[in-house]
Protein backbone atom coordinates (compact mmCIF):
# COMPACT_ATOMS: atom_id res chain seq x y z
CA MET A 1 23.98 33.37 72.75
CA TYR A 2 26.27 36.21 71.63
CA ILE A 3 24.07 36.86 68.58
CA LEU A 4 20.93 36.90 70.74
CA ALA A 5 22.53 39.30 73.21
CA LEU A 6 23.70 41.56 70.39
CA SER A 7 20.23 41.54 68.84
CA ALA A 8 18.68 42.47 72.18
CA ARG A 9 21.13 45.36 72.56
CA ILE A 10 20.38 46.62 69.06
CA ARG A 11 16.68 46.64 69.86
CA THR A 12 17.25 48.62 73.05
CA ILE A 13 19.38 51.33 71.42
CA MET A 14 17.24 54.31 70.53
CA LYS A 15 17.56 57.27 68.21
CA ILE A 16 16.21 60.37 69.94
CA ALA A 17 15.59 63.85 68.52
CA PHE A 18 15.34 66.81 70.86
CA TYR A 19 13.43 69.81 69.51
CA HIS A 20 14.21 72.83 71.69
CA ARG A 21 15.49 76.40 71.78
CA THR A 22 19.20 76.75 72.46
CA VAL A 23 19.32 79.69 74.88
CA SER A 24 20.96 79.95 78.29
CA GLY A 25 18.69 78.59 80.98
CA GLY A 26 17.07 75.53 82.44
CA ILE A 27 15.82 73.94 79.20
CA LYS A 28 19.29 74.09 77.62
CA THR A 29 20.85 72.58 80.77
CA HIS A 30 18.16 69.86 80.87
CA VAL A 31 18.59 68.86 77.23
CA GLU A 32 22.39 68.87 77.39
CA ALA A 33 22.36 66.71 80.53
CA LEU A 34 19.96 64.15 79.03
CA THR A 35 22.05 64.10 75.85
CA ARG A 36 25.19 63.23 77.82
CA GLU A 37 23.44 60.52 79.82
CA PHE A 38 21.80 58.93 76.76
CA GLU A 39 25.01 58.97 74.72
CA LYS A 40 26.86 57.27 77.60
CA GLN A 41 24.41 54.38 77.16
CA GLY A 42 24.97 54.21 73.40
CA HIS A 43 21.77 55.93 72.29
CA GLU A 44 21.93 58.31 69.33
CA VAL A 45 20.82 61.88 69.98
CA LYS A 46 19.97 64.56 67.44
CA ARG A 47 19.36 68.21 68.35
CA ILE A 48 16.91 70.38 66.42
CA ASP A 49 16.90 74.04 67.45
CA GLN A 50 16.31 77.55 66.16
CA PHE A 51 19.73 77.59 64.50
CA SER A 52 19.35 74.33 62.59
CA LEU A 53 15.87 75.43 61.46
CA GLY A 54 17.05 78.87 60.37
CA SER A 55 14.50 80.62 62.57
CA LEU A 56 14.02 84.37 62.53
CA MET A 57 14.89 85.26 66.12
CA LEU A 58 12.97 87.82 68.12
CA GLY A 59 14.94 88.93 71.17
CA ASN A 60 18.33 87.69 72.30
CA SER A 61 19.18 84.47 70.45
CA THR A 62 21.90 83.46 72.93
CA GLY A 63 20.00 83.87 76.17
CA GLY A 64 17.12 85.42 78.01
CA ILE A 65 13.79 86.22 76.42
CA SER A 66 13.78 85.20 72.76
CA TYR A 67 11.73 83.20 70.31
CA GLY A 68 12.31 81.64 66.90
CA PHE A 69 9.79 82.25 64.12
CA ASP A 70 9.77 79.69 61.33
CA PHE A 71 7.55 77.34 59.41
CA ALA A 72 9.90 74.39 59.14
CA LEU A 73 7.68 71.31 59.33
CA ARG A 74 9.22 69.74 56.23
CA LYS A 75 12.71 70.18 57.64
CA ILE A 76 11.64 68.74 61.01
CA LYS A 77 9.96 65.80 59.25
CA ARG A 78 13.20 65.01 57.37
CA GLU A 79 15.27 65.32 60.55
CA VAL A 80 13.12 62.86 62.54
CA ALA A 81 12.37 60.36 59.76
CA ASP A 82 14.77 57.76 61.20
CA CYS A 83 14.15 58.54 64.89
CA ASP A 84 12.31 56.51 67.50
CA ILE A 85 11.37 59.52 69.63
CA LEU A 86 10.81 63.22 68.97
CA HIS A 87 11.07 64.92 72.36
CA ILE A 88 9.76 68.50 72.27
CA HIS A 89 10.90 70.91 74.96
CA HIS A 90 8.64 73.93 74.66
CA ALA A 91 8.64 76.59 73.60
CA ALA A 92 10.85 75.40 70.79
CA THR A 93 10.05 77.57 67.78
CA PHE A 94 6.88 78.68 66.00
CA SER A 95 6.60 75.36 64.15
CA GLU A 96 5.81 73.68 67.47
CA TYR A 97 2.25 75.01 67.26
CA PHE A 98 1.64 73.51 63.79
CA LEU A 99 3.37 70.18 64.28
CA PRO A 100 0.27 68.39 65.73
CA PHE A 101 -1.55 69.06 62.45
CA SER A 102 1.19 67.40 60.38
CA SER A 103 1.88 63.72 59.72
CA ILE A 104 4.91 63.88 62.04
CA CYS A 105 2.90 62.81 65.08
CA SER A 106 1.80 59.64 63.30
CA ASP A 107 5.25 58.92 61.84
CA VAL A 108 7.26 59.13 65.08
CA ASN A 109 6.57 58.82 68.81
CA VAL A 110 6.23 62.36 70.18
CA VAL A 111 6.90 63.26 73.82
CA ASN A 112 6.44 66.78 75.23
CA THR A 113 8.13 68.21 78.31
CA PHE A 114 6.66 71.32 79.95
CA HIS A 115 9.18 73.60 81.68
CA ILE A 116 7.03 76.75 81.98
CA GLN A 117 7.26 78.68 85.25
CA ALA A 118 4.24 79.34 87.42
CA GLY A 119 3.30 81.98 89.96
CA ASN A 120 0.63 84.46 91.01
CA SER A 121 1.29 87.29 88.57
CA LEU A 122 0.43 88.44 85.05
CA SER A 123 3.45 86.52 83.73
CA GLY A 124 2.20 83.44 85.55
CA GLU A 125 -1.22 83.78 83.91
CA VAL A 126 0.41 84.07 80.47
CA ALA A 127 2.49 80.98 81.23
CA ARG A 128 -0.60 78.99 82.19
CA ALA A 129 -2.36 80.10 79.00
CA ILE A 130 0.57 78.80 76.92
CA ILE A 131 0.51 75.50 78.80
CA SER A 132 -3.23 75.11 78.18
CA MET A 133 -2.75 75.80 74.47
CA LEU A 134 0.06 73.27 74.08
CA VAL A 135 -1.77 70.58 76.06
CA THR A 136 -4.88 71.06 73.93
CA LEU A 137 -2.89 70.98 70.68
CA TYR A 138 -0.89 67.86 71.52
CA PHE A 139 -3.44 65.87 73.52
CA GLY A 140 -3.99 62.61 71.65
CA HIS A 141 -1.18 63.43 69.18
CA SER A 142 1.70 63.13 71.64
CA LYS A 143 2.37 59.74 73.24
CA LYS A 144 3.41 61.15 76.62
CA PHE A 145 3.48 64.45 78.48
CA ILE A 146 6.23 65.17 81.02
CA SER A 147 6.17 68.09 83.46
CA VAL A 148 9.29 69.05 85.40
CA SER A 149 6.95 70.60 87.96
CA ALA A 150 4.36 68.79 90.07
CA GLU A 151 2.51 72.11 90.45
CA ILE A 152 2.20 72.51 86.68
CA ALA A 153 1.10 68.89 86.33
CA ASP A 154 -1.68 69.51 88.88
CA TYR A 155 -2.70 72.65 86.99
CA ILE A 156 -2.97 70.69 83.73
CA ARG A 157 -5.07 67.95 85.32
CA GLN A 158 -7.42 70.40 87.03
CA ASN A 159 -7.78 73.19 84.49
CA CYS A 160 -7.05 72.02 80.95
CA PHE A 161 -10.23 71.20 79.06
CA VAL A 162 -9.04 67.90 77.56
CA TYR A 163 -8.12 66.51 80.98
CA ASN A 164 -11.31 67.69 82.63
CA PHE A 165 -13.50 65.98 80.06
CA SER A 166 -11.39 63.17 78.62
CA GLY A 167 -9.11 62.11 81.45
CA THR A 168 -5.75 60.46 80.87
CA GLY A 169 -7.29 57.19 79.76
CA ASN A 170 -8.41 58.47 76.36
CA GLY A 171 -5.47 60.62 75.40
CA THR A 172 -1.95 61.49 76.45
CA GLU A 173 -0.64 60.34 79.83
CA LEU A 174 1.02 62.99 82.01
CA VAL A 175 3.97 62.16 84.29
CA VAL A 176 6.25 64.28 86.48
CA ILE A 177 10.01 64.03 86.00
CA PRO A 178 11.96 66.86 87.68
CA ASN A 179 15.22 68.46 86.68
CA GLY A 180 18.45 66.93 87.89
CA VAL A 181 21.93 68.02 88.90
CA ASP A 182 25.50 66.89 88.24
CA ILE A 183 26.74 65.94 91.72
CA GLN A 184 30.30 65.43 90.45
CA ARG A 185 30.47 69.03 89.23
CA PHE A 186 28.55 70.58 92.12
CA TYR A 187 29.82 69.49 95.53
CA PRO A 188 30.28 71.00 99.01
CA ALA A 189 33.24 73.16 99.95
CA ASP A 190 35.95 71.27 101.79
CA PRO A 191 37.12 72.39 105.27
CA GLU A 192 40.09 74.31 103.82
CA GLU A 193 37.83 76.30 101.47
CA ARG A 194 35.49 77.14 104.35
CA ALA A 195 38.39 78.12 106.58
CA ALA A 196 39.83 80.36 103.85
CA ARG A 197 36.67 82.50 103.95
CA GLY A 198 37.19 82.98 107.69
CA GLY A 199 35.63 85.71 109.79
CA GLU A 200 32.28 85.91 111.48
CA GLU A 201 30.40 87.09 108.39
CA LEU A 202 27.60 85.10 106.80
CA CYS A 203 27.74 85.23 103.01
CA LEU A 204 24.41 84.88 101.23
CA GLY A 205 24.30 84.22 97.50
CA TYR A 206 22.05 84.33 94.45
CA LEU A 207 22.92 82.92 91.02
CA GLY A 208 20.51 83.29 88.12
CA ARG A 209 18.95 85.60 85.60
CA LEU A 210 18.59 89.25 86.63
CA SER A 211 15.04 89.85 85.49
CA PRO A 212 11.87 91.09 87.21
CA GLU A 213 10.37 87.66 87.92
CA LYS A 214 13.51 86.65 89.84
CA ASN A 215 12.77 89.38 92.43
CA VAL A 216 16.43 90.24 93.05
CA ILE A 217 15.68 93.90 93.84
CA ASN A 218 13.56 92.88 96.83
CA LEU A 219 16.32 90.52 97.93
CA ILE A 220 18.82 93.39 97.89
CA LYS A 221 16.45 95.65 99.83
CA ALA A 222 15.94 92.89 102.41
CA VAL A 223 19.69 92.57 103.00
CA LYS A 224 20.25 96.33 103.08
CA THR A 225 17.58 96.78 105.75
CA LEU A 226 18.62 93.76 107.82
CA ASP A 227 19.64 94.76 111.32
CA ARG A 228 22.78 92.65 111.23
CA GLU A 229 26.13 94.01 110.11
CA ASN A 230 27.79 90.62 109.59
CA VAL A 231 25.70 89.59 106.56
CA ARG A 232 26.84 90.08 102.96
CA LEU A 233 25.19 89.20 99.64
CA LYS A 234 26.88 88.07 96.43
CA ILE A 235 24.83 88.20 93.21
CA ALA A 236 25.91 86.31 90.10
CA GLY A 237 24.19 86.50 86.72
CA THR A 238 23.17 88.81 83.92
CA GLY A 239 19.92 89.99 82.41
CA PRO A 240 17.83 93.08 81.71
CA LEU A 241 18.11 94.35 85.28
CA TYR A 242 21.90 94.03 85.49
CA SER A 243 22.64 97.77 85.31
CA LYS A 244 19.99 98.59 87.90
CA VAL A 245 21.23 95.84 90.22
CA LYS A 246 24.87 96.91 89.74
CA ARG A 247 24.02 100.45 90.87
CA LEU A 248 22.80 99.03 94.20
CA GLU A 249 26.24 97.69 95.15
CA ASP A 250 27.66 98.79 98.48
CA ASP A 251 29.86 97.33 101.20
CA ARG A 252 27.27 94.57 101.83
CA ILE A 253 26.15 93.87 98.25
CA GLU A 254 28.55 92.54 95.58
CA VAL A 255 27.31 92.13 92.00
CA LEU A 256 29.59 89.79 90.04
CA GLY A 257 27.81 89.57 86.70
CA TYR A 258 28.23 86.35 84.74
CA VAL A 259 30.47 83.81 86.46
CA ASP A 260 32.35 81.14 84.49
CA ASP A 261 32.72 78.80 87.44
CA ALA A 262 29.27 78.33 89.00
CA PRO A 263 30.39 75.46 91.29
CA ALA A 264 33.11 77.70 92.80
CA PHE A 265 30.53 80.44 93.36
CA TYR A 266 28.32 78.08 95.37
CA ARG A 267 31.31 76.85 97.39
CA GLY A 268 32.13 80.47 98.24
CA ILE A 269 28.81 81.26 99.96
CA ASP A 270 27.08 80.05 103.12
CA VAL A 271 23.38 80.23 102.20
CA PHE A 272 21.65 80.27 98.80
CA LEU A 273 18.59 82.44 98.20
CA LEU A 274 16.00 82.14 95.45
CA PRO A 275 13.30 84.82 95.99
CA SER A 276 11.56 84.37 92.60
CA LYS A 277 7.98 85.36 91.87
CA LEU A 278 7.78 82.64 89.18
CA GLU A 279 9.37 79.18 89.07
CA ALA A 280 8.75 75.69 87.74
CA GLN A 281 11.41 73.41 89.24
CA PRO A 282 14.60 75.52 89.32
CA ILE A 283 17.90 73.89 88.47
CA ALA A 284 19.82 76.57 90.43
CA LEU A 285 18.14 75.34 93.61
CA LEU A 286 19.36 71.79 92.94
CA GLU A 287 22.87 73.07 92.17
CA ALA A 288 22.98 74.91 95.49
CA MET A 289 21.69 71.83 97.32
CA ALA A 290 24.30 69.62 95.63
CA SER A 291 26.88 72.15 96.83
CA GLY A 292 25.84 71.40 100.40
CA LEU A 293 24.11 74.72 101.04
CA PRO A 294 21.11 75.57 103.18
CA VAL A 295 18.53 77.35 101.03
CA ILE A 296 15.92 80.08 101.36
CA ALA A 297 13.37 80.02 98.54
CA SER A 298 10.06 81.70 97.84
CA ASN A 299 7.00 79.49 98.09
CA VAL A 300 6.26 79.32 94.35
CA GLY A 301 6.33 76.50 91.81
CA ASP A 302 7.81 73.30 93.17
CA ASN A 303 10.12 74.96 95.70
CA LYS A 304 8.11 73.60 98.63
CA TYR A 305 8.98 70.03 97.59
CA PHE A 306 12.71 70.79 97.72
CA VAL A 307 12.93 73.05 100.77
CA ARG A 308 12.19 71.02 103.88
CA LYS A 309 14.69 70.33 106.65
CA ASN A 310 17.39 71.86 104.47
CA GLY A 311 16.18 75.46 104.57
CA LEU A 312 13.27 77.88 104.74
CA LEU A 313 10.40 78.91 102.51
CA CYS A 314 9.39 82.57 102.42
CA GLY A 315 7.18 85.07 100.66
CA THR A 316 8.40 87.46 97.96
CA SER A 317 8.06 90.79 99.79
CA VAL A 318 10.99 92.59 101.40
CA PRO A 319 9.79 91.96 105.01
CA GLU A 320 9.20 88.26 104.29
CA ILE A 321 12.63 87.75 102.74
CA ARG A 322 14.28 89.73 105.56
CA ALA A 323 12.47 87.64 108.18
CA ALA A 324 13.65 84.39 106.56
CA ILE A 325 17.26 85.60 106.54
CA GLY A 326 16.97 86.58 110.18
CA GLU A 327 15.55 83.16 111.06
CA ILE A 328 18.28 81.21 109.30
CA LEU A 329 20.95 83.18 111.18
CA GLY A 330 19.89 81.28 114.31
CA ALA A 331 19.53 77.87 112.61
CA ASP A 332 21.91 74.94 112.30
CA VAL A 333 23.04 75.78 108.77
CA GLU A 334 25.64 73.02 108.69
CA ARG A 335 22.99 70.37 109.31
CA MET A 336 20.72 71.99 106.72
CA GLY A 337 23.51 71.90 104.13
CA GLU A 338 24.17 68.23 104.79
CA GLU A 339 20.47 67.49 104.28
CA SER A 340 20.52 69.39 100.97
CA ARG A 341 23.31 67.18 99.68
CA ARG A 342 21.59 64.00 100.86
CA MET A 343 18.39 64.93 99.05
CA VAL A 344 20.00 65.41 95.65
CA GLU A 345 22.20 62.32 95.97
CA ARG A 346 19.13 60.25 96.77
CA ASP A 347 16.67 61.50 94.14
CA TYR A 348 17.94 64.12 91.69
CA THR A 349 21.10 63.00 89.90
CA TRP A 350 20.93 63.24 86.11
CA ASP A 351 21.41 59.50 85.64
CA GLN A 352 18.23 58.92 87.65
CA ILE A 353 16.34 61.56 85.65
CA ALA A 354 17.59 60.05 82.37
CA ALA A 355 16.45 56.57 83.46
CA GLN A 356 12.96 57.90 84.22
CA THR A 357 12.85 59.66 80.85
CA LEU A 358 13.93 56.53 78.98
CA ALA A 359 11.15 54.61 80.73
CA VAL A 360 8.69 57.14 79.28
CA TYR A 361 10.19 56.61 75.82
CA ARG A 362 9.81 52.82 76.14
CA ALA A 363 6.19 53.21 77.19
CA ALA A 364 5.62 55.55 74.23
CA GLN A 365 7.01 52.92 71.86
CA ARG A 366 4.76 50.23 73.31
CA SER A 367 1.69 52.43 72.84
CA TYR A 368 2.53 53.10 69.19
């Protein structure tokens, strides 16, 4: 019996290769979280990124907008030769676009996850064009497609040529698996922490990249023109707009730059705002929810699936953001924060996301 049990365990242990770009952001967080969860279960995980491939980097190689140019198919082939799954998290490096034409897709089970943001803007149109290209390239070559965003999954099904004419039955199945959050690291402030803030002020907060698509300038304008003196805004993060945002500081706006302790930042605010013009399924929103915060988020990407009784959806203009802030001032923010925490505990912990991802891997193996 022991030998049979050991044999069964050996068969269930997998060797997984992640092919991704290592830059600060949601993809890096997603891959690192899955790596931790898989390794806890005894699976072997290998990471292939722009550094291991020796890519020529365009942009900032440590964070923000960057891309790795390489033609490293032979190196990738060697790296995944003993793997059960090659899980590609776009946009990895330039080799990603040539991989479907190599023998790699027939030698190993390939799974693709799409993280690209969506929204009604030029950047959103570019993002959708990239998605369409990748879906077309990998359709029939990849065993499974995963989208972190239900909105992007719907776009693929409705607009990508291969799905319109082939359907999922003759090619690569598409499933939705969202991002997750570490609920042990991100948790609500305790009564003493809340009492220490004191006063009658309401502290709003934003944590994320300071770039045009995040719409932080409009958020600042909304707070500055709000007809309430007891509202402050803390902004955490860096990016190309940091200097411009920093110049807008005043007695109501505090710009912190990069913060080492993100959980402490969330515990130090009362309401989280995400006014982005583009999103897929933002991890920062889940972190704020895990921290027991009510949330205000723009109605883009998958935000509408995560902002229900726990907050408010809004537009991206200054009046729309200002109106949402004004509305939440009269709401039961404590109840909203409790609902935020319940939602992530129920559906969005990383162990649940890892289990769903492993189920996709198993299905990919069976279809091999």
